[in-house]
PDB file of all heavy atoms in Angstrom:
ATOM      1  N   ASP A   1       1.085 149.747  81.157  1.00  0.00           N
ATOM      2  CA  ASP A   1       0.225 150.407  82.162  1.00  0.00           C
ATOM      3  C   ASP A   1      -0.319 149.388  83.150  1.00  0.00           C
ATOM      4  O   ASP A   1      -1.288 149.753  83.864  1.00  0.00           O
ATOM      5  CB  ASP A   1      -0.897 151.216  81.527  1.00  0.00           C
ATOM      6  CG  ASP A   1      -0.340 152.337  80.616  1.00  0.00           C
ATOM      7  OD1 ASP A   1       0.695 152.930  81.054  1.00  0.00           O
ATOM      8  OD2 ASP A   1      -0.924 152.598  79.581  1.00  0.00           O
ATOM      9  N   CYS A   2       0.193 148.130  83.194  1.00  0.00           N
ATOM     10  CA  CYS A   2      -0.226 147.198  84.250  1.00  0.00           C
ATOM     11  C   CYS A   2       0.942 146.983  85.243  1.00  0.00           C
ATOM     12  O   CYS A   2       2.074 147.058  84.816  1.00  0.00           O
ATOM     13  CB  CYS A   2      -0.632 145.889  83.602  1.00  0.00           C
ATOM     14  SG  CYS A   2      -2.025 145.952  82.503  1.00  0.00           S
ATOM     15  N   GLN A   3       0.536 146.755  86.496  1.00  0.00           N
ATOM     16  CA  GLN A   3       1.524 146.599  87.523  1.00  0.00           C
ATOM     17  C   GLN A   3       1.656 145.117  87.823  1.00  0.00           C
ATOM     18  O   GLN A   3       0.654 144.401  88.068  1.00  0.00           O
ATOM     19  CB  GLN A   3       1.196 147.296  88.798  1.00  0.00           C
ATOM     20  CG  GLN A   3       1.064 148.847  88.616  1.00  0.00           C
ATOM     21  CD  GLN A   3       0.652 149.528  89.804  1.00  0.00           C
ATOM     22  OE1 GLN A   3       1.364 149.631  90.777  1.00  0.00           O
ATOM     23  NE2 GLN A   3      -0.648 149.939  89.809  1.00  0.00           N
ATOM     24  N   PHE A   4       2.933 144.589  87.839  1.00  0.00           N
ATOM     25  CA  PHE A   4       3.126 143.189  88.054  1.00  0.00           C
ATOM     26  C   PHE A   4       4.192 142.880  89.120  1.00  0.00           C
ATOM     27  O   PHE A   4       5.111 143.733  89.325  1.00  0.00           O
ATOM     28  CB  PHE A   4       3.667 142.478  86.802  1.00  0.00           C
ATOM     29  CG  PHE A   4       2.696 142.518  85.589  1.00  0.00           C
ATOM     30  CD1 PHE A   4       2.876 143.490  84.591  1.00  0.00           C
ATOM     31  CD2 PHE A   4       1.669 141.607  85.566  1.00  0.00           C
ATOM     32  CE1 PHE A   4       1.946 143.447  83.564  1.00  0.00           C
ATOM     33  CE2 PHE A   4       0.777 141.611  84.510  1.00  0.00           C
ATOM     34  CZ  PHE A   4       0.897 142.553  83.456  1.00  0.00           C
ATOM     35  N   ILE A   5       3.933 141.802  89.831  1.00  0.00           N
ATOM     36  CA  ILE A   5       5.000 141.285  90.753  1.00  0.00           C
ATOM     37  C   ILE A   5       5.224 139.881  90.403  1.00  0.00           C
ATOM     38  O   ILE A   5       4.373 139.153  90.026  1.00  0.00           O
ATOM     39  CB  ILE A   5       4.397 141.295  92.256  1.00  0.00           C
ATOM     40  CG1 ILE A   5       4.189 142.805  92.699  1.00  0.00           C
ATOM     41  CG2 ILE A   5       5.332 140.639  93.208  1.00  0.00           C
ATOM     42  CD1 ILE A   5       3.512 142.921  94.046  1.00  0.00           C
ATOM     43  N   CYS A   6       6.542 139.505  90.378  1.00  0.00           N
ATOM     44  CA  CYS A   6       6.884 138.094  90.144  1.00  0.00           C
ATOM     45  C   CYS A   6       7.585 137.612  91.424  1.00  0.00           C
ATOM     46  O   CYS A   6       8.137 138.416  92.207  1.00  0.00           O
ATOM     47  CB  CYS A   6       7.790 137.925  88.922  1.00  0.00           C
ATOM     48  SG  CYS A   6       9.393 138.727  88.979  1.00  0.00           S
ATOM     49  N   SER A   7       7.416 136.329  91.700  1.00  0.00           N
ATOM     50  CA  SER A   7       8.011 135.699  92.843  1.00  0.00           C
ATOM     51  C   SER A   7       8.589 134.374  92.541  1.00  0.00           C
ATOM     52  O   SER A   7       8.141 133.660  91.724  1.00  0.00           O
ATOM     53  CB  SER A   7       6.915 135.594  93.883  1.00  0.00           C
ATOM     54  OG  SER A   7       5.799 134.805  93.476  1.00  0.00           O
ATOM     55  N   GLY A   8       9.669 134.065  93.284  1.00  0.00           N
ATOM     56  CA  GLY A   8      10.317 132.765  93.210  1.00  0.00           C
ATOM     57  C   GLY A   8      10.325 132.103  94.524  1.00  0.00           C
ATOM     58  O   GLY A   8      10.519 132.729  95.556  1.00  0.00           O
ATOM     59  N   SER A   9      10.058 130.802  94.541  1.00  0.00           N
ATOM     60  CA  SER A   9       9.877 130.052  95.792  1.00  0.00           C
ATOM     61  C   SER A   9      10.580 128.740  95.836  1.00  0.00           C
ATOM     62  O   SER A   9      10.927 128.185  94.817  1.00  0.00           O
ATOM     63  CB  SER A   9       8.398 129.868  96.018  1.00  0.00           C
ATOM     64  OG  SER A   9       8.115 129.008  97.095  1.00  0.00           O
ATOM     65  N   GLU A  10      10.692 128.263  97.052  1.00  0.00           N
ATOM     66  CA  GLU A  10      11.340 126.927  97.245  1.00  0.00           C
ATOM     67  C   GLU A  10      10.255 125.856  96.937  1.00  0.00           C
ATOM     68  O   GLU A  10      10.655 124.679  96.958  1.00  0.00           O
ATOM     69  CB  GLU A  10      11.954 126.716  98.626  1.00  0.00           C
ATOM     70  CG  GLU A  10      10.974 126.574  99.768  1.00  0.00           C
ATOM     71  CD  GLU A  10      11.710 126.366 101.082  1.00  0.00           C
ATOM     72  OE1 GLU A  10      12.819 126.687 101.218  1.00  0.00           O
ATOM     73  OE2 GLU A  10      11.082 125.721 101.944  1.00  0.00           O
ATOM     74  N   ASP A  11       9.073 126.202  96.576  1.00  0.00           N
ATOM     75  CA  ASP A  11       8.133 125.187  96.132  1.00  0.00           C
ATOM     76  C   ASP A  11       8.347 124.859  94.585  1.00  0.00           C
ATOM     77  O   ASP A  11       7.434 124.327  94.026  1.00  0.00           O
ATOM     78  CB  ASP A  11       6.672 125.648  96.340  1.00  0.00           C
ATOM     79  CG  ASP A  11       6.242 126.902  95.500  1.00  0.00           C
ATOM     80  OD1 ASP A  11       7.019 127.320  94.653  1.00  0.00           O
ATOM     81  OD2 ASP A  11       5.167 127.418  95.739  1.00  0.00           O
ATOM     82  N   ASN A  12       9.499 125.340  94.054  1.00  0.00           N
ATOM     83  CA  ASN A  12       9.947 125.047  92.713  1.00  0.00           C
ATOM     84  C   ASN A  12       9.067 125.794  91.619  1.00  0.00           C
ATOM     85  O   ASN A  12       9.058 125.363  90.477  1.00  0.00           O
ATOM     86  CB  ASN A  12       9.968 123.544  92.395  1.00  0.00           C
ATOM     87  CG  ASN A  12      10.801 122.749  93.384  1.00  0.00           C
ATOM     88  OD1 ASN A  12      11.650 123.374  94.064  1.00  0.00           O
ATOM     89  ND2 ASN A  12      10.630 121.458  93.414  1.00  0.00           N
ATOM     90  N   THR A  13       8.470 126.857  91.968  1.00  0.00           N
ATOM     91  CA  THR A  13       7.702 127.629  90.973  1.00  0.00           C
ATOM     92  C   THR A  13       8.068 129.119  90.974  1.00  0.00           C
ATOM     93  O   THR A  13       8.646 129.661  91.945  1.00  0.00           O
ATOM     94  CB  THR A  13       6.156 127.589  91.303  1.00  0.00           C
ATOM     95  OG1 THR A  13       5.914 128.291  92.488  1.00  0.00           O
ATOM     96  CG2 THR A  13       5.671 126.145  91.364  1.00  0.00           C
ATOM     97  N   VAL A  14       7.820 129.668  89.822  1.00  0.00           N
ATOM     98  CA  VAL A  14       7.911 131.133  89.616  1.00  0.00           C
ATOM     99  C   VAL A  14       6.467 131.538  89.344  1.00  0.00           C
ATOM    100  O   VAL A  14       5.810 130.905  88.477  1.00  0.00           O
ATOM    101  CB  VAL A  14       8.855 131.519  88.489  1.00  0.00           C
ATOM    102  CG1 VAL A  14       8.673 132.977  88.105  1.00  0.00           C
ATOM    103  CG2 VAL A  14      10.276 131.228  88.872  1.00  0.00           C
ATOM    104  N   ARG A  15       6.014 132.577  89.969  1.00  0.00           N
ATOM    105  CA  ARG A  15       4.625 133.030  89.717  1.00  0.00           C
ATOM    106  C   ARG A  15       4.669 134.508  89.347  1.00  0.00           C
ATOM    107  O   ARG A  15       5.498 135.270  89.920  1.00  0.00           O
ATOM    108  CB  ARG A  15       3.770 132.828  90.978  1.00  0.00           C
ATOM    109  CG  ARG A  15       3.593 131.361  91.290  1.00  0.00           C
ATOM    110  CD  ARG A  15       2.837 131.089  92.584  1.00  0.00           C
ATOM    111  NE  ARG A  15       2.867 129.716  92.959  1.00  0.00           N
ATOM    112  CZ  ARG A  15       1.844 128.857  92.781  1.00  0.00           C
ATOM    113  NH1 ARG A  15       0.792 129.240  92.195  1.00  0.00           N
ATOM    114  NH2 ARG A  15       2.031 127.635  93.191  1.00  0.00           N
ATOM    115  N   VAL A  16       3.728 134.938  88.506  1.00  0.00           N
ATOM    116  CA  VAL A  16       3.593 136.323  88.134  1.00  0.00           C
ATOM    117  C   VAL A  16       2.197 136.746  88.571  1.00  0.00           C
ATOM    118  O   VAL A  16       1.250 136.103  88.407  1.00  0.00           O
ATOM    119  CB  VAL A  16       3.721 136.460  86.586  1.00  0.00           C
ATOM    120  CG1 VAL A  16       3.513 137.947  86.265  1.00  0.00           C
ATOM    121  CG2 VAL A  16       5.048 135.970  86.115  1.00  0.00           C
ATOM    122  N   TRP A  17       2.121 137.861  89.212  1.00  0.00           N
ATOM    123  CA  TRP A  17       0.921 138.444  89.783  1.00  0.00           C
ATOM    124  C   TRP A  17       0.587 139.788  89.150  1.00  0.00           C
ATOM    125  O   TRP A  17       1.472 140.676  89.022  1.00  0.00           O
ATOM    126  CB  TRP A  17       1.065 138.638  91.257  1.00  0.00           C
ATOM    127  CG  TRP A  17       1.746 137.570  92.005  1.00  0.00           C
ATOM    128  CD1 TRP A  17       3.077 137.402  92.153  1.00  0.00           C
ATOM    129  CD2 TRP A  17       1.114 136.489  92.684  1.00  0.00           C
ATOM    130  NE1 TRP A  17       3.299 136.238  92.879  1.00  0.00           N
ATOM    131  CE2 TRP A  17       2.103 135.664  93.186  1.00  0.00           C
ATOM    132  CE3 TRP A  17      -0.261 136.071  92.899  1.00  0.00           C
ATOM    133  CZ2 TRP A  17       1.890 134.509  93.987  1.00  0.00           C
ATOM    134  CZ3 TRP A  17      -0.494 134.991  93.683  1.00  0.00           C
ATOM    135  CH2 TRP A  17       0.572 134.196  94.171  1.00  0.00           C
ATOM    136  N   ASP A  18      -0.631 139.963  88.654  1.00  0.00           N
ATOM    137  CA  ASP A  18      -1.105 141.240  88.297  1.00  0.00           C
ATOM    138  C   ASP A  18      -1.693 141.861  89.547  1.00  0.00           C
ATOM    139  O   ASP A  18      -2.465 141.293  90.217  1.00  0.00           O
ATOM    140  CB  ASP A  18      -2.204 141.095  87.249  1.00  0.00           C
ATOM    141  CG  ASP A  18      -2.719 142.461  86.697  1.00  0.00           C
ATOM    142  OD1 ASP A  18      -3.061 143.372  87.633  1.00  0.00           O
ATOM    143  OD2 ASP A  18      -2.833 142.632  85.566  1.00  0.00           O
ATOM    144  N   VAL A  19      -1.105 143.066  89.917  1.00  0.00           N
ATOM    145  CA  VAL A  19      -1.531 143.696  91.184  1.00  0.00           C
ATOM    146  C   VAL A  19      -3.070 143.835  91.281  1.00  0.00           C
ATOM    147  O   VAL A  19      -3.626 143.667  92.356  1.00  0.00           O
ATOM    148  CB  VAL A  19      -0.804 145.029  91.354  1.00  0.00           C
ATOM    149  CG1 VAL A  19      -1.348 145.787  92.597  1.00  0.00           C
ATOM    150  CG2 VAL A  19       0.726 144.755  91.471  1.00  0.00           C
ATOM    151  N   ASP A  20      -3.710 144.127  90.219  1.00  0.00           N
ATOM    152  CA  ASP A  20      -5.152 144.321  90.214  1.00  0.00           C
ATOM    153  C   ASP A  20      -6.046 143.064  90.152  1.00  0.00           C
ATOM    154  O   ASP A  20      -7.076 142.883  90.776  1.00  0.00           O
ATOM    155  CB  ASP A  20      -5.543 145.258  89.105  1.00  0.00           C
ATOM    156  CG  ASP A  20      -4.940 146.632  89.258  1.00  0.00           C
ATOM    157  OD1 ASP A  20      -4.919 147.141  90.390  1.00  0.00           O
ATOM    158  OD2 ASP A  20      -4.504 147.256  88.244  1.00  0.00           O
ATOM    159  N   THR A  21      -5.535 142.044  89.363  1.00  0.00           N
ATOM    160  CA  THR A  21      -6.332 140.901  89.101  1.00  0.00           C
ATOM    161  C   THR A  21      -5.778 139.665  89.796  1.00  0.00           C
ATOM    162  O   THR A  21      -6.245 138.551  89.445  1.00  0.00           O
ATOM    163  CB  THR A  21      -6.518 140.558  87.584  1.00  0.00           C
ATOM    164  OG1 THR A  21      -5.285 140.315  87.047  1.00  0.00           O
ATOM    165  CG2 THR A  21      -7.116 141.768  86.973  1.00  0.00           C
ATOM    166  N   LYS A  22      -4.752 139.768  90.610  1.00  0.00           N
ATOM    167  CA  LYS A  22      -4.091 138.693  91.300  1.00  0.00           C
ATOM    168  C   LYS A  22      -3.245 137.853  90.333  1.00  0.00           C
ATOM    169  O   LYS A  22      -2.923 138.257  89.293  1.00  0.00           O
ATOM    170  CB  LYS A  22      -5.142 137.817  91.982  1.00  0.00           C
ATOM    171  CG  LYS A  22      -6.004 138.678  92.971  1.00  0.00           C
ATOM    172  CD  LYS A  22      -6.181 138.051  94.290  1.00  0.00           C
ATOM    173  CE  LYS A  22      -7.010 138.992  95.173  1.00  0.00           C
ATOM    174  NZ  LYS A  22      -7.141 138.356  96.435  1.00  0.00           N
ATOM    175  N   GLN A  23      -2.979 136.554  90.674  1.00  0.00           N
ATOM    176  CA  GLN A  23      -2.028 135.753  89.958  1.00  0.00           C
ATOM    177  C   GLN A  23      -2.531 135.565  88.504  1.00  0.00           C
ATOM    178  O   GLN A  23      -3.737 135.299  88.314  1.00  0.00           O
ATOM    179  CB  GLN A  23      -1.854 134.384  90.585  1.00  0.00           C
ATOM    180  CG  GLN A  23      -0.906 133.505  89.907  1.00  0.00           C
ATOM    181  CD  GLN A  23      -0.759 132.198  90.658  1.00  0.00           C
ATOM    182  OE1 GLN A  23      -0.886 132.127  91.838  1.00  0.00           O
ATOM    183  NE2 GLN A  23      -0.461 131.145  89.933  1.00  0.00           N
ATOM    184  N   ILE A  24      -1.609 135.571  87.584  1.00  0.00           N
ATOM    185  CA  ILE A  24      -1.973 135.369  86.174  1.00  0.00           C
ATOM    186  C   ILE A  24      -1.196 134.164  85.623  1.00  0.00           C
ATOM    187  O   ILE A  24      -1.654 133.592  84.635  1.00  0.00           O
ATOM    188  CB  ILE A  24      -1.773 136.572  85.292  1.00  0.00           C
ATOM    189  CG1 ILE A  24      -0.221 136.973  85.220  1.00  0.00           C
ATOM    190  CG2 ILE A  24      -2.626 137.701  85.667  1.00  0.00           C
ATOM    191  CD1 ILE A  24       0.070 137.925  84.104  1.00  0.00           C
ATOM    192  N   GLN A  25      -0.028 133.764  86.205  1.00  0.00           N
ATOM    193  CA  GLN A  25       0.724 132.722  85.560  1.00  0.00           C
ATOM    194  C   GLN A  25       1.638 132.001  86.654  1.00  0.00           C
ATOM    195  O   GLN A  25       2.176 132.646  87.509  1.00  0.00           O
ATOM    196  CB  GLN A  25       1.597 133.288  84.477  1.00  0.00           C
ATOM    197  CG  GLN A  25       2.082 132.312  83.502  1.00  0.00           C
ATOM    198  CD  GLN A  25       0.942 131.614  82.735  1.00  0.00           C
ATOM    199  OE1 GLN A  25       0.544 130.540  83.041  1.00  0.00           O
ATOM    200  NE2 GLN A  25       0.406 132.277  81.752  1.00  0.00           N
ATOM    201  N   SER A  26       1.799 130.742  86.470  1.00  0.00           N
ATOM    202  CA  SER A  26       2.752 129.914  87.215  1.00  0.00           C
ATOM    203  C   SER A  26       3.639 129.155  86.299  1.00  0.00           C
ATOM    204  O   SER A  26       3.192 128.602  85.336  1.00  0.00           O
ATOM    205  CB  SER A  26       2.048 128.965  88.206  1.00  0.00           C
ATOM    206  OG  SER A  26       1.298 129.638  89.131  1.00  0.00           O
ATOM    207  N   PHE A  27       4.886 129.104  86.630  1.00  0.00           N
ATOM    208  CA  PHE A  27       5.853 128.323  85.844  1.00  0.00           C
ATOM    209  C   PHE A  27       6.551 127.221  86.751  1.00  0.00           C
ATOM    210  O   PHE A  27       7.058 127.560  87.801  1.00  0.00           O
ATOM    211  CB  PHE A  27       6.943 129.260  85.262  1.00  0.00           C
ATOM    212  CG  PHE A  27       6.410 130.321  84.312  1.00  0.00           C
ATOM    213  CD1 PHE A  27       6.161 131.564  84.740  1.00  0.00           C
ATOM    214  CD2 PHE A  27       6.067 129.915  83.013  1.00  0.00           C
ATOM    215  CE1 PHE A  27       5.657 132.533  83.873  1.00  0.00           C
ATOM    216  CE2 PHE A  27       5.556 130.881  82.132  1.00  0.00           C
ATOM    217  CZ  PHE A  27       5.326 132.173  82.531  1.00  0.00           C
ATOM    218  N   TYR A  28       6.488 126.018  86.266  1.00  0.00           N
ATOM    219  CA  TYR A  28       7.048 124.953  87.044  1.00  0.00           C
ATOM    220  C   TYR A  28       8.334 124.444  86.382  1.00  0.00           C
ATOM    221  O   TYR A  28       8.753 125.007  85.283  1.00  0.00           O
ATOM    222  CB  TYR A  28       6.032 123.768  87.083  1.00  0.00           C
ATOM    223  CG  TYR A  28       4.694 124.177  87.748  1.00  0.00           C
ATOM    224  CD1 TYR A  28       3.712 124.738  87.053  1.00  0.00           C
ATOM    225  CD2 TYR A  28       4.583 124.044  89.105  1.00  0.00           C
ATOM    226  CE1 TYR A  28       2.529 125.207  87.695  1.00  0.00           C
ATOM    227  CE2 TYR A  28       3.413 124.478  89.804  1.00  0.00           C
ATOM    228  CZ  TYR A  28       2.429 125.044  89.028  1.00  0.00           C
ATOM    229  OH  TYR A  28       1.232 125.457  89.670  1.00  0.00           O
ATOM    230  N   GLY A  29       8.976 123.502  86.922  1.00  0.00           N
ATOM    231  CA  GLY A  29      10.240 123.002  86.341  1.00  0.00           C
ATOM    232  C   GLY A  29      11.485 123.538  86.981  1.00  0.00           C
ATOM    233  O   GLY A  29      12.548 123.366  86.483  1.00  0.00           O
ATOM    234  N   HIS A  30      11.251 124.308  88.033  1.00  0.00           N
ATOM    235  CA  HIS A  30      12.414 124.881  88.752  1.00  0.00           C
ATOM    236  C   HIS A  30      12.767 123.835  89.855  1.00  0.00           C
ATOM    237  O   HIS A  30      12.018 123.720  90.782  1.00  0.00           O
ATOM    238  CB  HIS A  30      12.015 126.205  89.448  1.00  0.00           C
ATOM    239  CG  HIS A  30      11.812 127.295  88.338  1.00  0.00           C
ATOM    240  ND1 HIS A  30      10.655 127.375  87.660  1.00  0.00           N
ATOM    241  CD2 HIS A  30      12.544 128.358  87.952  1.00  0.00           C
ATOM    242  CE1 HIS A  30      10.657 128.372  86.863  1.00  0.00           C
ATOM    243  NE2 HIS A  30      11.832 128.967  87.050  1.00  0.00           N
ATOM    244  N   SER A  31      13.891 123.282  89.644  1.00  0.00           N
ATOM    245  CA  SER A  31      14.365 122.287  90.665  1.00  0.00           C
ATOM    246  C   SER A  31      15.768 122.539  91.017  1.00  0.00           C
ATOM    247  O   SER A  31      16.571 122.711  90.131  1.00  0.00           O
ATOM    248  CB  SER A  31      14.172 120.859  90.109  1.00  0.00           C
ATOM    249  OG  SER A  31      14.533 119.913  91.012  1.00  0.00           O
ATOM    250  N   PRO A  32      16.151 122.660  92.338  1.00  0.00           N
ATOM    251  CA  PRO A  32      15.258 122.535  93.448  1.00  0.00           C
ATOM    252  C   PRO A  32      14.536 123.755  93.831  1.00  0.00           C
ATOM    253  O   PRO A  32      13.382 123.686  94.428  1.00  0.00           O
ATOM    254  CB  PRO A  32      16.161 122.030  94.579  1.00  0.00           C
ATOM    255  CG  PRO A  32      17.528 122.700  94.230  1.00  0.00           C
ATOM    256  CD  PRO A  32      17.541 122.788  92.688  1.00  0.00           C
ATOM    257  N   ILE A  33      15.126 124.943  93.693  1.00  0.00           N
ATOM    258  CA  ILE A  33      14.441 126.181  94.178  1.00  0.00           C
ATOM    259  C   ILE A  33      14.588 127.323  93.127  1.00  0.00           C
ATOM    260  O   ILE A  33      15.608 127.475  92.501  1.00  0.00           O
ATOM    261  CB  ILE A  33      15.157 126.639  95.440  1.00  0.00           C
ATOM    262  CG1 ILE A  33      14.964 125.653  96.576  1.00  0.00           C
ATOM    263  CG2 ILE A  33      14.685 128.043  95.890  1.00  0.00           C
ATOM    264  CD1 ILE A  33      15.764 125.964  97.861  1.00  0.00           C
ATOM    265  N   ALA A  34      13.548 128.072  92.946  1.00  0.00           N
ATOM    266  CA  ALA A  34      13.533 129.231  92.152  1.00  0.00           C
ATOM    267  C   ALA A  34      14.070 130.377  93.100  1.00  0.00           C
ATOM    268  O   ALA A  34      13.354 130.975  93.846  1.00  0.00           O
ATOM    269  CB  ALA A  34      12.233 129.588  91.607  1.00  0.00           C
TER     270      ALA A  34
END
């Protein structure tokens, strides 16, 4: 029952966002681009 958005970026991170509470997690180690 929670809404999430995940995003991948050329800043080498993947981020997960809870729509209501904003970002909840970042994952590093993506090289060169997620």
